[in-house]
Amino acid sequence: MTEGVLKNEERRLPRVKPATDIIEKEDGFYIYVDMPGVAKGDLVIDLNEDELKVSGKAEYVLPEGQKLGHVEFGGGEYFRSFTVSHIVDKERIKATLRDGVLELHLPRQEKAQPRKIEIQAG
């Protein structure tokens, strides 16, 4: 392989669909996304209408003077998208990144309180 070809291949990171767990609790939904090697600054979470998109990038930087022999821990681009239910309070979604796992909390909307409807005289 020529050096030019190797450099082009190194720039392209594989796109990975990370392992994900979704748990429903009384207060809402919890989504856990496996994002090893992704730093907070390399993580993007977008909510557009009812679609929640999570993407992140982890790059494997080879220390100077070392050559690759065999790599399975290499970097990658992670991507997942989720459809958000109408029962989720989109304004209160929270995200936490800890030990390579992204935790998203999608709280349920508070139930509407019953109220009396005022009748207007016509």
N, C-alpha and C. Protein backbone atom coordinates (compact mmCIF):
# COMPACT_ATOMS: atom_id res chain seq x y z
N MET A 1 0.84 -1.18 0.00
CA MET A 1 0.00 0.00 0.00
C MET A 1 0.88 1.24 0.00
N THR A 2 0.52 2.22 -0.79
CA THR A 2 1.31 3.43 -0.78
C THR A 2 0.89 4.31 0.39
N GLU A 3 1.77 5.23 0.74
CA GLU A 3 1.49 6.09 1.89
C GLU A 3 0.25 6.96 1.64
N GLY A 4 0.05 7.44 0.41
CA GLY A 4 -1.11 8.26 0.09
C GLY A 4 -2.43 7.52 0.29
N VAL A 5 -2.46 6.25 -0.10
CA VAL A 5 -3.68 5.45 0.07
C VAL A 5 -3.95 5.23 1.54
N LEU A 6 -2.92 4.92 2.32
CA LEU A 6 -3.08 4.68 3.74
C LEU A 6 -3.61 5.92 4.45
N LYS A 7 -3.11 7.09 4.11
CA LYS A 7 -3.58 8.32 4.75
C LYS A 7 -5.05 8.56 4.45
N ASN A 8 -5.51 8.31 3.23
CA ASN A 8 -6.92 8.47 2.90
C ASN A 8 -7.78 7.50 3.71
N GLU A 9 -7.31 6.26 3.87
CA GLU A 9 -8.08 5.28 4.63
C GLU A 9 -8.13 5.65 6.10
N GLU A 10 -7.06 6.23 6.64
CA GLU A 10 -7.03 6.61 8.05
C GLU A 10 -8.02 7.73 8.34
N ARG A 11 -8.26 8.60 7.38
CA ARG A 11 -9.18 9.72 7.58
C ARG A 11 -10.63 9.29 7.66
N ARG A 12 -10.99 8.20 7.00
CA ARG A 12 -12.36 7.72 7.01
C ARG A 12 -12.59 6.85 8.23
N LEU A 13 -13.47 7.31 9.09
CA LEU A 13 -13.78 6.52 10.27
C LEU A 13 -15.00 5.66 9.98
N PRO A 14 -15.03 4.44 10.47
CA PRO A 14 -16.21 3.61 10.26
C PRO A 14 -17.40 4.17 11.00
N ARG A 15 -18.59 4.05 10.39
CA ARG A 15 -19.82 4.52 11.03
C ARG A 15 -20.42 3.34 11.77
N VAL A 16 -20.71 3.54 13.05
CA VAL A 16 -21.15 2.47 13.92
C VAL A 16 -22.51 2.82 14.52
N LYS A 17 -23.39 1.82 14.57
CA LYS A 17 -24.67 1.97 15.27
C LYS A 17 -24.45 1.44 16.68
N PRO A 18 -24.31 2.34 17.67
CA PRO A 18 -23.93 1.90 19.01
C PRO A 18 -25.03 1.09 19.70
N ALA A 19 -24.60 0.20 20.58
CA ALA A 19 -25.53 -0.58 21.39
C ALA A 19 -26.36 0.37 22.24
N THR A 20 -27.65 0.07 22.37
CA THR A 20 -28.57 0.97 23.05
C THR A 20 -29.56 0.18 23.89
N ASP A 21 -29.85 0.67 25.10
CA ASP A 21 -30.91 0.12 25.94
C ASP A 21 -31.92 1.23 26.18
N ILE A 22 -33.21 0.89 26.13
CA ILE A 22 -34.28 1.85 26.43
C ILE A 22 -35.10 1.25 27.57
N ILE A 23 -35.22 2.00 28.64
CA ILE A 23 -35.95 1.54 29.82
C ILE A 23 -37.06 2.53 30.13
N GLU A 24 -38.26 2.01 30.37
CA GLU A 24 -39.41 2.85 30.73
C GLU A 24 -39.61 2.76 32.23
N LYS A 25 -39.69 3.94 32.88
CA LYS A 25 -39.95 4.03 34.31
C LYS A 25 -41.15 4.96 34.50
N GLU A 26 -41.59 5.09 35.74
CA GLU A 26 -42.74 5.96 36.02
C GLU A 26 -42.53 7.39 35.56
N ASP A 27 -41.31 7.90 35.73
CA ASP A 27 -41.05 9.31 35.42
C ASP A 27 -40.67 9.55 33.96
N GLY A 28 -40.61 8.50 33.16
CA GLY A 28 -40.29 8.69 31.75
C GLY A 28 -39.46 7.56 31.19
N PHE A 29 -38.69 7.88 30.17
CA PHE A 29 -37.88 6.90 29.46
C PHE A 29 -36.41 7.22 29.65
N TYR A 30 -35.60 6.18 29.77
CA TYR A 30 -34.16 6.33 29.88
C TYR A 30 -33.54 5.58 28.71
N ILE A 31 -32.70 6.28 27.96
CA ILE A 31 -32.00 5.68 26.83
C ILE A 31 -30.52 5.70 27.17
N TYR A 32 -29.90 4.53 27.10
CA TYR A 32 -28.47 4.39 27.35
C TYR A 32 -27.80 4.01 26.03
N VAL A 33 -26.81 4.81 25.62
CA VAL A 33 -26.14 4.60 24.34
C VAL A 33 -24.65 4.42 24.60
N ASP A 34 -24.09 3.32 24.12
CA ASP A 34 -22.68 3.01 24.29
C ASP A 34 -21.85 3.87 23.34
N MET A 35 -21.04 4.78 23.89
CA MET A 35 -20.25 5.72 23.09
C MET A 35 -18.79 5.73 23.57
N PRO A 36 -18.08 4.59 23.52
CA PRO A 36 -16.72 4.55 24.05
C PRO A 36 -15.78 5.48 23.29
N GLY A 37 -14.98 6.21 24.07
CA GLY A 37 -13.99 7.10 23.48
C GLY A 37 -14.51 8.43 23.01
N VAL A 38 -15.81 8.69 23.14
CA VAL A 38 -16.38 9.95 22.68
C VAL A 38 -16.31 10.97 23.83
N ALA A 39 -15.70 12.12 23.54
CA ALA A 39 -15.64 13.20 24.52
C ALA A 39 -16.89 14.06 24.40
N LYS A 40 -17.22 14.76 25.46
CA LYS A 40 -18.41 15.63 25.48
C LYS A 40 -18.41 16.59 24.28
N GLY A 41 -17.25 17.14 23.94
CA GLY A 41 -17.15 18.08 22.83
C GLY A 41 -17.36 17.46 21.46
N ASP A 42 -17.26 16.14 21.38
CA ASP A 42 -17.43 15.43 20.10
C ASP A 42 -18.80 14.76 20.00
N LEU A 43 -19.70 15.12 20.89
CA LEU A 43 -21.02 14.53 20.95
C LEU A 43 -22.05 15.58 20.55
N VAL A 44 -22.99 15.20 19.67
CA VAL A 44 -24.04 16.12 19.23
C VAL A 44 -25.39 15.43 19.43
N ILE A 45 -26.31 16.14 20.08
CA ILE A 45 -27.66 15.63 20.29
C ILE A 45 -28.62 16.68 19.75
N ASP A 46 -29.39 16.32 18.73
CA ASP A 46 -30.33 17.25 18.10
C ASP A 46 -31.74 16.71 18.22
N LEU A 47 -32.68 17.60 18.52
CA LEU A 47 -34.10 17.26 18.54
C LEU A 47 -34.78 18.12 17.49
N ASN A 48 -35.39 17.47 16.50
CA ASN A 48 -36.10 18.18 15.44
C ASN A 48 -37.47 17.54 15.32
N GLU A 49 -38.49 18.29 15.72
CA GLU A 49 -39.87 17.76 15.74
C GLU A 49 -39.90 16.55 16.66
N ASP A 50 -40.16 15.36 16.12
CA ASP A 50 -40.24 14.15 16.92
C ASP A 50 -39.05 13.23 16.73
N GLU A 51 -37.96 13.74 16.13
CA GLU A 51 -36.79 12.91 15.89
C GLU A 51 -35.61 13.41 16.73
N LEU A 52 -35.08 12.50 17.55
CA LEU A 52 -33.92 12.78 18.38
C LEU A 52 -32.72 12.08 17.75
N LYS A 53 -31.70 12.85 17.37
CA LYS A 53 -30.52 12.29 16.71
C LYS A 53 -29.32 12.43 17.64
N VAL A 54 -28.57 11.35 17.77
CA VAL A 54 -27.38 11.32 18.61
C VAL A 54 -26.21 10.92 17.72
N SER A 55 -25.15 11.74 17.72
CA SER A 55 -23.96 11.38 16.96
C SER A 55 -22.72 11.79 17.74
N GLY A 56 -21.67 11.03 17.55
CA GLY A 56 -20.42 11.32 18.23
C GLY A 56 -19.26 10.72 17.47
N LYS A 57 -18.08 11.23 17.76
CA LYS A 57 -16.90 10.76 17.04
C LYS A 57 -15.79 10.46 18.04
N ALA A 58 -15.19 9.31 17.88
CA ALA A 58 -14.03 8.93 18.69
C ALA A 58 -12.89 8.65 17.73
N GLU A 59 -11.79 9.34 17.94
CA GLU A 59 -10.64 9.13 17.05
C GLU A 59 -9.51 8.48 17.82
N TYR A 60 -8.90 7.52 17.19
CA TYR A 60 -7.75 6.83 17.77
C TYR A 60 -6.51 7.54 17.26
N VAL A 61 -5.78 8.17 18.16
CA VAL A 61 -4.58 8.91 17.77
C VAL A 61 -3.37 8.03 18.09
N LEU A 62 -2.63 7.71 17.05
CA LEU A 62 -1.45 6.88 17.20
C LEU A 62 -0.31 7.72 17.77
N PRO A 63 0.28 7.28 18.87
CA PRO A 63 1.42 8.04 19.41
C PRO A 63 2.54 8.16 18.38
N GLU A 64 3.22 9.29 18.42
CA GLU A 64 4.28 9.56 17.45
C GLU A 64 5.36 8.48 17.50
N GLY A 65 5.79 8.07 16.33
CA GLY A 65 6.85 7.08 16.23
C GLY A 65 6.35 5.65 16.26
N GLN A 66 5.04 5.43 16.41
CA GLN A 66 4.50 4.08 16.43
C GLN A 66 3.76 3.80 15.13
N LYS A 67 3.72 2.53 14.75
CA LYS A 67 3.02 2.12 13.53
C LYS A 67 1.89 1.17 13.92
N LEU A 68 0.84 1.21 13.14
CA LEU A 68 -0.28 0.30 13.38
C LEU A 68 0.09 -1.11 12.99
N GLY A 69 -0.23 -2.06 13.86
CA GLY A 69 -0.05 -3.47 13.54
C GLY A 69 -1.42 -4.05 13.24
N HIS A 70 -2.27 -4.05 14.24
CA HIS A 70 -3.64 -4.55 14.10
C HIS A 70 -4.49 -3.73 15.06
N VAL A 71 -5.59 -3.17 14.58
CA VAL A 71 -6.41 -2.29 15.42
C VAL A 71 -7.86 -2.75 15.39
N GLU A 72 -8.42 -3.01 16.56
CA GLU A 72 -9.85 -3.27 16.70
C GLU A 72 -10.49 -2.23 17.61
N PHE A 73 -9.68 -1.50 18.35
CA PHE A 73 -10.17 -0.45 19.24
C PHE A 73 -10.25 0.89 18.53
N GLY A 74 -9.97 0.94 17.26
CA GLY A 74 -9.87 2.19 16.52
C GLY A 74 -11.08 3.09 16.67
N GLY A 75 -10.96 4.29 16.19
CA GLY A 75 -12.02 5.28 16.29
C GLY A 75 -13.20 4.94 15.41
N GLY A 76 -14.23 5.75 15.55
CA GLY A 76 -15.42 5.56 14.74
C GLY A 76 -16.40 6.71 14.94
N GLU A 77 -17.34 6.78 14.04
CA GLU A 77 -18.43 7.74 14.15
C GLU A 77 -19.67 6.97 14.56
N TYR A 78 -20.29 7.41 15.64
CA TYR A 78 -21.48 6.76 16.16
C TYR A 78 -22.72 7.55 15.75
N PHE A 79 -23.79 6.85 15.43
CA PHE A 79 -25.03 7.55 15.07
C PHE A 79 -26.24 6.69 15.43
N ARG A 80 -27.22 7.31 16.07
CA ARG A 80 -28.51 6.67 16.35
C ARG A 80 -29.58 7.76 16.27
N SER A 81 -30.77 7.36 15.87
CA SER A 81 -31.89 8.28 15.90
C SER A 81 -33.08 7.57 16.54
N PHE A 82 -33.91 8.35 17.21
CA PHE A 82 -35.06 7.83 17.94
C PHE A 82 -36.27 8.70 17.64
N THR A 83 -37.43 8.09 17.57
CA THR A 83 -38.67 8.83 17.44
C THR A 83 -39.20 9.09 18.84
N VAL A 84 -39.47 10.35 19.14
CA VAL A 84 -39.90 10.75 20.47
C VAL A 84 -41.43 10.77 20.51
N SER A 85 -41.99 10.09 21.47
CA SER A 85 -43.44 9.99 21.65
C SER A 85 -44.04 11.33 22.08
N HIS A 86 -45.31 11.52 21.81
CA HIS A 86 -46.01 12.75 22.21
C HIS A 86 -46.16 12.85 23.73
N ILE A 87 -45.95 11.75 24.46
CA ILE A 87 -46.07 11.83 25.92
C ILE A 87 -44.79 12.31 26.59
N VAL A 88 -43.74 12.56 25.81
CA VAL A 88 -42.47 13.05 26.35
C VAL A 88 -42.48 14.57 26.40
N ASP A 89 -42.01 15.11 27.53
CA ASP A 89 -41.86 16.56 27.68
C ASP A 89 -40.53 16.95 27.03
N LYS A 90 -40.59 17.39 25.80
CA LYS A 90 -39.37 17.67 25.03
C LYS A 90 -38.52 18.79 25.62
N GLU A 91 -39.14 19.68 26.38
CA GLU A 91 -38.40 20.80 26.98
C GLU A 91 -37.53 20.36 28.15
N ARG A 92 -37.79 19.18 28.70
CA ARG A 92 -37.06 18.74 29.90
C ARG A 92 -36.15 17.55 29.65
N ILE A 93 -35.84 17.23 28.39
CA ILE A 93 -34.92 16.12 28.09
C ILE A 93 -33.53 16.48 28.61
N LYS A 94 -32.89 15.52 29.28
CA LYS A 94 -31.55 15.74 29.83
C LYS A 94 -30.60 14.66 29.31
N ALA A 95 -29.33 15.05 29.20
CA ALA A 95 -28.30 14.12 28.72
C ALA A 95 -27.10 14.16 29.66
N THR A 96 -26.54 12.97 29.93
CA THR A 96 -25.35 12.85 30.76
C THR A 96 -24.41 11.85 30.09
N LEU A 97 -23.14 12.22 29.98
CA LEU A 97 -22.12 11.33 29.43
C LEU A 97 -21.17 10.95 30.55
N ARG A 98 -21.10 9.62 30.84
CA ARG A 98 -20.25 9.17 31.93
C ARG A 98 -19.68 7.80 31.58
N ASP A 99 -18.36 7.68 31.66
CA ASP A 99 -17.66 6.41 31.42
C ASP A 99 -18.02 5.78 30.07
N GLY A 100 -18.15 6.60 29.04
CA GLY A 100 -18.41 6.09 27.70
C GLY A 100 -19.84 5.70 27.42
N VAL A 101 -20.75 6.05 28.34
CA VAL A 101 -22.16 5.75 28.15
C VAL A 101 -22.95 7.05 28.23
N LEU A 102 -23.74 7.29 27.19
CA LEU A 102 -24.62 8.46 27.16
C LEU A 102 -25.96 8.04 27.76
N GLU A 103 -26.42 8.80 28.75
CA GLU A 103 -27.74 8.56 29.34
C GLU A 103 -28.65 9.72 28.96
N LEU A 104 -29.75 9.40 28.30
CA LEU A 104 -30.76 10.40 27.97
C LEU A 104 -31.98 10.13 28.83
N HIS A 105 -32.48 11.17 29.48
CA HIS A 105 -33.72 11.03 30.25
C HIS A 105 -34.80 11.82 29.51
N LEU A 106 -35.83 11.12 29.09
CA LEU A 106 -36.96 11.73 28.40
C LEU A 106 -38.16 11.66 29.34
N PRO A 107 -38.39 12.74 30.11
CA PRO A 107 -39.46 12.70 31.11
C PRO A 107 -40.84 12.74 30.47
N ARG A 108 -41.78 12.12 31.15
CA ARG A 108 -43.18 12.18 30.69
C ARG A 108 -43.72 13.58 30.91
N GLN A 109 -44.65 13.97 30.06
CA GLN A 109 -45.34 15.24 30.28
C GLN A 109 -46.22 15.10 31.51
N GLU A 110 -46.35 16.20 32.23
CA GLU A 110 -47.23 16.18 33.38
C GLU A 110 -48.66 16.07 32.88
N LYS A 111 -49.44 15.29 33.60
CA LYS A 111 -50.83 15.11 33.18
C LYS A 111 -51.59 16.42 33.34
N ALA A 112 -52.43 16.69 32.37
CA ALA A 112 -53.24 17.90 32.43
C ALA A 112 -54.21 17.80 33.61
N GLN A 113 -54.30 18.88 34.35
CA GLN A 113 -55.20 18.91 35.50
C GLN A 113 -56.62 19.17 35.03
N PRO A 114 -57.60 18.48 35.63
CA PRO A 114 -58.98 18.74 35.23
C PRO A 114 -59.37 20.18 35.60
N ARG A 115 -60.21 20.78 34.80
CA ARG A 115 -60.66 22.15 35.09
C ARG A 115 -62.07 22.33 34.60
N LYS A 116 -62.73 23.28 35.19
CA LYS A 116 -64.10 23.60 34.77
C LYS A 116 -64.01 24.58 33.61
N ILE A 117 -64.91 24.40 32.67
CA ILE A 117 -64.98 25.29 31.52
C ILE A 117 -66.06 26.31 31.80
N GLU A 118 -65.67 27.58 31.72
CA GLU A 118 -66.62 28.64 31.96
C GLU A 118 -67.57 28.77 30.75
N ILE A 119 -68.83 28.93 31.03
CA ILE A 119 -69.83 29.06 29.98
C ILE A 119 -70.14 30.54 29.79
N GLN A 120 -70.00 31.00 28.55
CA GLN A 120 -70.28 32.39 28.23
C GLN A 120 -71.75 32.55 27.86
N ALA A 121 -72.36 33.59 28.39
CA ALA A 121 -73.75 33.87 28.01
C ALA A 121 -73.77 34.53 26.63
N GLY A 122 -74.69 34.11 25.80
CA GLY A 122 -74.67 34.61 24.45
C GLY A 122 -75.77 35.46 24.11
